[in-house]
Amino acid sequence: MEKNETIQAYADRVMGVVNKLKLYGDEDYTEPKIAMKIIMSLPQKYEMDILALESSGQDFDKLTLGELINSLSTSDMREKNRLKAETEGAMFAKVFEKGK
């Protein structure tokens, strides 16, 4: 996963690879297996979200790709909103300083 890539974009990229594999005859990829491959390849910033999934009693053998993406997308949105708020706060502080 690339540094600024969203979980949705990453999952789309992985599904592109899976679809190519299926096209070449490798039919061994079920949704839970793909979800686990995505989980295993995620960067450390998603560690707490994965632990929360485990703690909630989620059966990873039945985890769908949609459930995984929805769960992890909330983390992406929180991070995006936090960065936006920090930037707006910094800009406000800078404007306030100039007004003195």
C-alpha atoms as a PDB file:
ATOM      1  CA  MET A   1       0.000   0.000   0.000  1.00  0.00           C
ATOM      2  CA  GLU A   2       1.338   3.388  -0.966  1.00  0.00           C
ATOM      3  CA  LYS A   3       1.692   6.109   1.659  1.00  0.00           C
ATOM      4  CA  ASN A   4      -1.180   8.384   0.586  1.00  0.00           C
ATOM      5  CA  GLU A   5      -3.385   5.653  -0.888  1.00  0.00           C
ATOM      6  CA  THR A   6      -6.850   5.136   0.569  1.00  0.00           C
ATOM      7  CA  ILE A   7      -7.995   1.694   1.635  1.00  0.00           C
ATOM      8  CA  GLN A   8     -10.614   1.751  -1.160  1.00  0.00           C
ATOM      9  CA  ALA A   9      -7.990   2.495  -3.814  1.00  0.00           C
ATOM     10  CA  TYR A  10      -5.725  -0.219  -2.412  1.00  0.00           C
ATOM     11  CA  ALA A  11      -8.546  -2.783  -2.363  1.00  0.00           C
ATOM     12  CA  ASP A  12      -9.413  -1.864  -5.960  1.00  0.00           C
ATOM     13  CA  ARG A  13      -5.793  -2.403  -6.966  1.00  0.00           C
ATOM     14  CA  VAL A  14      -5.680  -5.781  -5.193  1.00  0.00           C
ATOM     15  CA  MET A  15      -8.951  -6.822  -6.847  1.00  0.00           C
ATOM     16  CA  GLY A  16      -7.453  -5.946 -10.229  1.00  0.00           C
ATOM     17  CA  VAL A  17      -4.641  -8.401  -9.557  1.00  0.00           C
ATOM     18  CA  VAL A  18      -7.078 -11.047  -8.281  1.00  0.00           C
ATOM     19  CA  ASN A  19      -9.252 -10.653 -11.373  1.00  0.00           C
ATOM     20  CA  LYS A  20      -6.202 -11.140 -13.607  1.00  0.00           C
ATOM     21  CA  LEU A  21      -5.285 -14.280 -11.662  1.00  0.00           C
ATOM     22  CA  LYS A  22      -8.826 -15.601 -12.090  1.00  0.00           C
ATOM     23  CA  LEU A  23      -8.667 -14.797 -15.793  1.00  0.00           C
ATOM     24  CA  TYR A  24      -5.606 -17.035 -16.043  1.00  0.00           C
ATOM     25  CA  GLY A  25      -7.416 -19.882 -14.318  1.00  0.00           C
ATOM     26  CA  ASP A  26      -6.537 -19.453 -10.632  1.00  0.00           C
ATOM     27  CA  GLU A  27      -9.997 -19.719  -9.010  1.00  0.00           C
ATOM     28  CA  ASP A  28      -8.722 -20.234  -5.448  1.00  0.00           C
ATOM     29  CA  TYR A  29      -9.511 -16.685  -4.266  1.00  0.00           C
ATOM     30  CA  THR A  30     -12.572 -16.356  -2.041  1.00  0.00           C
ATOM     31  CA  GLU A  31     -13.610 -13.044  -0.459  1.00  0.00           C
ATOM     32  CA  PRO A  32     -12.394 -14.002   3.034  1.00  0.00           C
ATOM     33  CA  LYS A  33      -9.049 -15.100   1.584  1.00  0.00           C
ATOM     34  CA  ILE A  34      -8.665 -11.801  -0.292  1.00  0.00           C
ATOM     35  CA  ALA A  35      -9.661  -9.866   2.849  1.00  0.00           C
ATOM     36  CA  MET A  36      -6.994 -11.712   4.859  1.00  0.00           C
ATOM     37  CA  LYS A  37      -4.356 -10.986   2.206  1.00  0.00           C
ATOM     38  CA  ILE A  38      -5.261  -7.292   2.396  1.00  0.00           C
ATOM     39  CA  ILE A  39      -5.109  -7.363   6.214  1.00  0.00           C
ATOM     40  CA  MET A  40      -1.687  -9.010   6.156  1.00  0.00           C
ATOM     41  CA  SER A  41      -0.310  -6.406   3.745  1.00  0.00           C
ATOM     42  CA  LEU A  42      -1.617  -3.269   5.469  1.00  0.00           C
ATOM     43  CA  PRO A  43       0.772  -0.760   7.047  1.00  0.00           C
ATOM     44  CA  GLN A  44       1.041  -0.446  10.803  1.00  0.00           C
ATOM     45  CA  LYS A  45      -1.289   2.576  10.949  1.00  0.00           C
ATOM     46  CA  TYR A  46      -4.226   0.147  10.544  1.00  0.00           C
ATOM     47  CA  GLU A  47      -3.109  -2.116  13.390  1.00  0.00           C
ATOM     48  CA  MET A  48      -5.598  -0.722  15.926  1.00  0.00           C
ATOM     49  CA  ASP A  49      -8.483  -1.046  13.462  1.00  0.00           C
ATOM     50  CA  ILE A  50      -7.611  -4.684  12.815  1.00  0.00           C
ATOM     51  CA  LEU A  51      -7.358  -5.351  16.551  1.00  0.00           C
ATOM     52  CA  ALA A  52     -10.780  -3.739  17.010  1.00  0.00           C
ATOM     53  CA  LEU A  53     -12.190  -6.082  14.358  1.00  0.00           C
ATOM     54  CA  GLU A  54     -10.691  -9.064  16.177  1.00  0.00           C
ATOM     55  CA  SER A  55     -11.974  -7.843  19.542  1.00  0.00           C
ATOM     56  CA  SER A  56     -15.492  -7.411  18.201  1.00  0.00           C
ATOM     57  CA  GLY A  57     -15.659 -11.152  17.620  1.00  0.00           C
ATOM     58  CA  GLN A  58     -15.468 -10.835  13.838  1.00  0.00           C
ATOM     59  CA  ASP A  59     -14.851 -14.245  12.259  1.00  0.00           C
ATOM     60  CA  PHE A  60     -12.078 -13.605   9.742  1.00  0.00           C
ATOM     61  CA  ASP A  61     -12.963 -16.842   7.931  1.00  0.00           C
ATOM     62  CA  LYS A  62     -16.289 -15.219   6.983  1.00  0.00           C
ATOM     63  CA  LEU A  63     -15.140 -11.602   6.632  1.00  0.00           C
ATOM     64  CA  THR A  64     -16.285 -10.073   3.360  1.00  0.00           C
ATOM     65  CA  LEU A  65     -14.265  -7.558   1.440  1.00  0.00           C
ATOM     66  CA  GLY A  66     -17.047  -4.985   1.845  1.00  0.00           C
ATOM     67  CA  GLU A  67     -17.056  -5.333   5.636  1.00  0.00           C
ATOM     68  CA  LEU A  68     -13.290  -4.924   5.761  1.00  0.00           C
ATOM     69  CA  ILE A  69     -13.247  -1.898   3.475  1.00  0.00           C
ATOM     70  CA  ASN A  70     -16.089  -0.204   5.358  1.00  0.00           C
ATOM     71  CA  SER A  71     -14.385  -0.774   8.681  1.00  0.00           C
ATOM     72  CA  LEU A  72     -11.014   0.527   7.516  1.00  0.00           C
ATOM     73  CA  SER A  73     -12.449   3.415   5.481  1.00  0.00           C
ATOM     74  CA  THR A  74     -13.707   5.047   8.659  1.00  0.00           C
ATOM     75  CA  SER A  75     -10.105   5.188   9.830  1.00  0.00           C
ATOM     76  CA  ASP A  76      -9.085   6.889   6.578  1.00  0.00           C
ATOM     77  CA  MET A  77     -11.895   9.439   6.943  1.00  0.00           C
ATOM     78  CA  ARG A  78     -10.995  10.190  10.586  1.00  0.00           C
ATOM     79  CA  GLU A  79      -7.371  10.765   9.632  1.00  0.00           C
ATOM     80  CA  LYS A  80      -8.355  13.004   6.714  1.00  0.00           C
ATOM     81  CA  ASN A  81     -10.690  15.064   8.932  1.00  0.00           C
ATOM     82  CA  ARG A  82      -8.045  15.355  11.651  1.00  0.00           C
ATOM     83  CA  LEU A  83      -5.436  16.609   9.175  1.00  0.00           C
ATOM     84  CA  LYS A  84      -7.924  19.087   7.723  1.00  0.00           C
ATOM     85  CA  ALA A  85      -8.757  20.420  11.191  1.00  0.00           C
ATOM     86  CA  GLU A  86      -5.063  20.742  12.074  1.00  0.00           C
ATOM     87  CA  THR A  87      -4.370  22.627   8.840  1.00  0.00           C
ATOM     88  CA  GLU A  88      -7.319  24.965   9.345  1.00  0.00           C
ATOM     89  CA  GLY A  89      -6.257  25.576  12.933  1.00  0.00           C
ATOM     90  CA  ALA A  90      -2.705  26.354  11.876  1.00  0.00           C
ATOM     91  CA  MET A  91      -3.931  28.742   9.189  1.00  0.00           C
ATOM     92  CA  PHE A  92      -6.208  30.506  11.684  1.00  0.00           C
ATOM     93  CA  ALA A  93      -3.348  30.871  14.156  1.00  0.00           C
ATOM     94  CA  LYS A  94      -1.093  32.336  11.471  1.00  0.00           C
ATOM     95  CA  VAL A  95      -3.757  34.858  10.387  1.00  0.00           C
ATOM     96  CA  PHE A  96      -4.420  35.740  14.039  1.00  0.00           C
ATOM     97  CA  GLU A  97      -0.686  36.349  14.613  1.00  0.00           C
ATOM     98  CA  LYS A  98      -0.454  38.690  11.625  1.00  0.00           C
ATOM     99  CA  GLY A  99      -3.392  40.710  12.949  1.00  0.00           C
ATOM    100  CA  LYS A 100      -1.520  41.633  16.158  1.00  0.00           C
END
